[in-house]
Amino acid sequence: MAESLYDRYMRATSANRTHGETCTRCSPGARCADGQRLYESFTRLQDAYLAQQKKTRG
């Protein structure tokens, strides 16, 4: 079964948060390469999920 957009969004949220809590190179104003990749994935999925919710509840 395909993973839902919500599940992918929550997984990206968790990965981004976990990385931020453990990476010594990331800070609120700057991210390492992995941190930036995780943050971009999280924000892309968040935008898609929120757009889907807006369209559904329209």
N, C-alpha and C. Protein backbone atom coordinates (compact mmCIF):
# COMPACT_ATOMS: atom_id res chain seq x y z
N MET A 1 0.84 -1.17 0.00
CA MET A 1 0.00 0.00 0.00
C MET A 1 0.89 1.24 0.00
N ALA A 2 0.54 2.21 -0.80
CA ALA A 2 1.31 3.44 -0.90
C ALA A 2 1.18 4.26 0.37
N GLU A 3 2.26 4.88 0.75
CA GLU A 3 2.27 5.72 1.94
C GLU A 3 1.53 7.02 1.65
N SER A 4 0.70 7.46 2.57
CA SER A 4 -0.09 8.67 2.36
C SER A 4 0.80 9.91 2.48
N LEU A 5 0.30 11.00 1.95
CA LEU A 5 1.00 12.28 2.05
C LEU A 5 1.20 12.65 3.51
N TYR A 6 0.20 12.44 4.33
CA TYR A 6 0.30 12.74 5.76
C TYR A 6 1.43 11.93 6.40
N ASP A 7 1.51 10.63 6.09
CA ASP A 7 2.56 9.78 6.66
C ASP A 7 3.94 10.26 6.24
N ARG A 8 4.09 10.63 4.97
CA ARG A 8 5.39 11.13 4.49
C ARG A 8 5.74 12.45 5.17
N TYR A 9 4.74 13.32 5.35
CA TYR A 9 4.93 14.59 6.02
C TYR A 9 5.37 14.37 7.47
N MET A 10 4.71 13.47 8.18
CA MET A 10 5.06 13.20 9.57
C MET A 10 6.45 12.57 9.69
N ARG A 11 6.81 11.71 8.75
CA ARG A 11 8.14 11.10 8.76
C ARG A 11 9.21 12.15 8.51
N ALA A 12 8.95 13.07 7.59
CA ALA A 12 9.89 14.15 7.30
C ALA A 12 10.02 15.09 8.49
N THR A 13 8.91 15.36 9.17
CA THR A 13 8.93 16.19 10.37
C THR A 13 9.81 15.58 11.43
N SER A 14 9.64 14.30 11.65
CA SER A 14 10.42 13.59 12.66
C SER A 14 11.90 13.56 12.30
N ALA A 15 12.22 13.28 11.04
CA ALA A 15 13.61 13.23 10.61
C ALA A 15 14.28 14.59 10.76
N ASN A 16 13.57 15.64 10.38
CA ASN A 16 14.10 16.99 10.49
C ASN A 16 14.35 17.35 11.96
N ARG A 17 13.39 17.05 12.81
CA ARG A 17 13.51 17.36 14.24
C ARG A 17 14.65 16.57 14.87
N THR A 18 14.71 15.28 14.59
CA THR A 18 15.76 14.43 15.15
C THR A 18 17.14 14.92 14.73
N HIS A 19 17.28 15.24 13.47
CA HIS A 19 18.57 15.74 12.98
C HIS A 19 18.95 17.03 13.70
N GLY A 20 18.01 17.94 13.82
CA GLY A 20 18.27 19.21 14.48
C GLY A 20 18.68 19.06 15.94
N GLU A 21 18.16 18.03 16.59
CA GLU A 21 18.48 17.79 17.99
C GLU A 21 19.85 17.16 18.18
N THR A 22 20.38 16.52 17.14
CA THR A 22 21.63 15.78 17.30
C THR A 22 22.81 16.37 16.52
N CYS A 23 22.56 17.18 15.53
CA CYS A 23 23.64 17.70 14.69
C CYS A 23 24.31 18.90 15.37
N THR A 24 25.62 18.83 15.49
CA THR A 24 26.37 19.92 16.11
C THR A 24 26.69 21.03 15.12
N ARG A 25 26.49 20.76 13.84
CA ARG A 25 26.79 21.78 12.81
C ARG A 25 25.58 22.63 12.46
N CYS A 26 24.39 22.21 12.83
CA CYS A 26 23.19 22.97 12.52
C CYS A 26 22.86 23.95 13.64
N SER A 27 22.32 25.09 13.25
CA SER A 27 21.83 26.08 14.20
C SER A 27 20.55 26.66 13.61
N PRO A 28 19.81 27.45 14.38
CA PRO A 28 18.58 28.02 13.84
C PRO A 28 18.80 28.86 12.58
N GLY A 29 19.97 29.47 12.44
CA GLY A 29 20.23 30.33 11.30
C GLY A 29 20.98 29.68 10.15
N ALA A 30 21.51 28.47 10.38
CA ALA A 30 22.31 27.80 9.34
C ALA A 30 22.18 26.29 9.51
N ARG A 31 22.20 25.58 8.40
CA ARG A 31 22.09 24.12 8.43
C ARG A 31 23.23 23.49 7.65
N CYS A 32 23.62 22.30 8.08
CA CYS A 32 24.58 21.53 7.31
C CYS A 32 23.87 21.01 6.05
N ALA A 33 24.60 20.37 5.17
CA ALA A 33 24.01 19.89 3.91
C ALA A 33 22.87 18.90 4.18
N ASP A 34 23.08 17.96 5.09
CA ASP A 34 22.02 17.00 5.40
C ASP A 34 20.83 17.69 6.05
N GLY A 35 21.11 18.61 6.96
CA GLY A 35 20.05 19.35 7.62
C GLY A 35 19.23 20.17 6.65
N GLN A 36 19.90 20.77 5.68
CA GLN A 36 19.19 21.56 4.67
C GLN A 36 18.30 20.67 3.80
N ARG A 37 18.81 19.51 3.43
CA ARG A 37 18.04 18.57 2.62
C ARG A 37 16.80 18.11 3.39
N LEU A 38 16.97 17.77 4.66
CA LEU A 38 15.84 17.33 5.48
C LEU A 38 14.83 18.44 5.68
N TYR A 39 15.31 19.66 5.90
CA TYR A 39 14.41 20.80 6.10
C TYR A 39 13.62 21.08 4.83
N GLU A 40 14.28 21.03 3.67
CA GLU A 40 13.59 21.27 2.41
C GLU A 40 12.53 20.21 2.14
N SER A 41 12.85 18.96 2.46
CA SER A 41 11.89 17.88 2.28
C SER A 41 10.68 18.10 3.19
N PHE A 42 10.95 18.44 4.44
CA PHE A 42 9.88 18.73 5.40
C PHE A 42 8.99 19.87 4.91
N THR A 43 9.59 20.99 4.50
CA THR A 43 8.77 22.14 4.10
C THR A 43 7.98 21.85 2.82
N ARG A 44 8.58 21.11 1.89
CA ARG A 44 7.87 20.76 0.65
C ARG A 44 6.65 19.89 0.97
N LEU A 45 6.84 18.90 1.83
CA LEU A 45 5.73 18.02 2.19
C LEU A 45 4.69 18.75 3.04
N GLN A 46 5.13 19.65 3.90
CA GLN A 46 4.19 20.44 4.70
C GLN A 46 3.33 21.31 3.79
N ASP A 47 3.95 21.97 2.84
CA ASP A 47 3.20 22.81 1.90
C ASP A 47 2.18 21.99 1.12
N ALA A 48 2.60 20.81 0.66
CA ALA A 48 1.70 19.95 -0.11
C ALA A 48 0.55 19.46 0.76
N TYR A 49 0.83 19.07 1.99
CA TYR A 49 -0.22 18.58 2.89
C TYR A 49 -1.21 19.69 3.22
N LEU A 50 -0.71 20.87 3.54
CA LEU A 50 -1.60 21.99 3.87
C LEU A 50 -2.45 22.40 2.66
N ALA A 51 -1.87 22.37 1.48
CA ALA A 51 -2.63 22.68 0.26
C ALA A 51 -3.72 21.64 0.04
N GLN A 52 -3.40 20.39 0.30
CA GLN A 52 -4.40 19.33 0.17
C GLN A 52 -5.53 19.54 1.17
N GLN A 53 -5.20 19.90 2.40
CA GLN A 53 -6.22 20.12 3.42
C GLN A 53 -7.11 21.30 3.05
N LYS A 54 -6.50 22.36 2.54
CA LYS A 54 -7.26 23.53 2.14
C LYS A 54 -8.23 23.20 1.02
N LYS A 55 -7.75 22.41 0.06
CA LYS A 55 -8.57 22.01 -1.08
C LYS A 55 -9.72 21.11 -0.64
N THR A 56 -9.45 20.20 0.29
CA THR A 56 -10.44 19.27 0.79
C THR A 56 -11.52 19.98 1.59
N ARG A 57 -11.09 20.94 2.40
CA ARG A 57 -12.04 21.64 3.27
C ARG A 57 -12.68 22.85 2.59
N GLY A 58 -12.09 23.24 1.43
CA GLY A 58 -12.49 24.34 0.60
C GLY A 58 -13.74 24.99 0.88
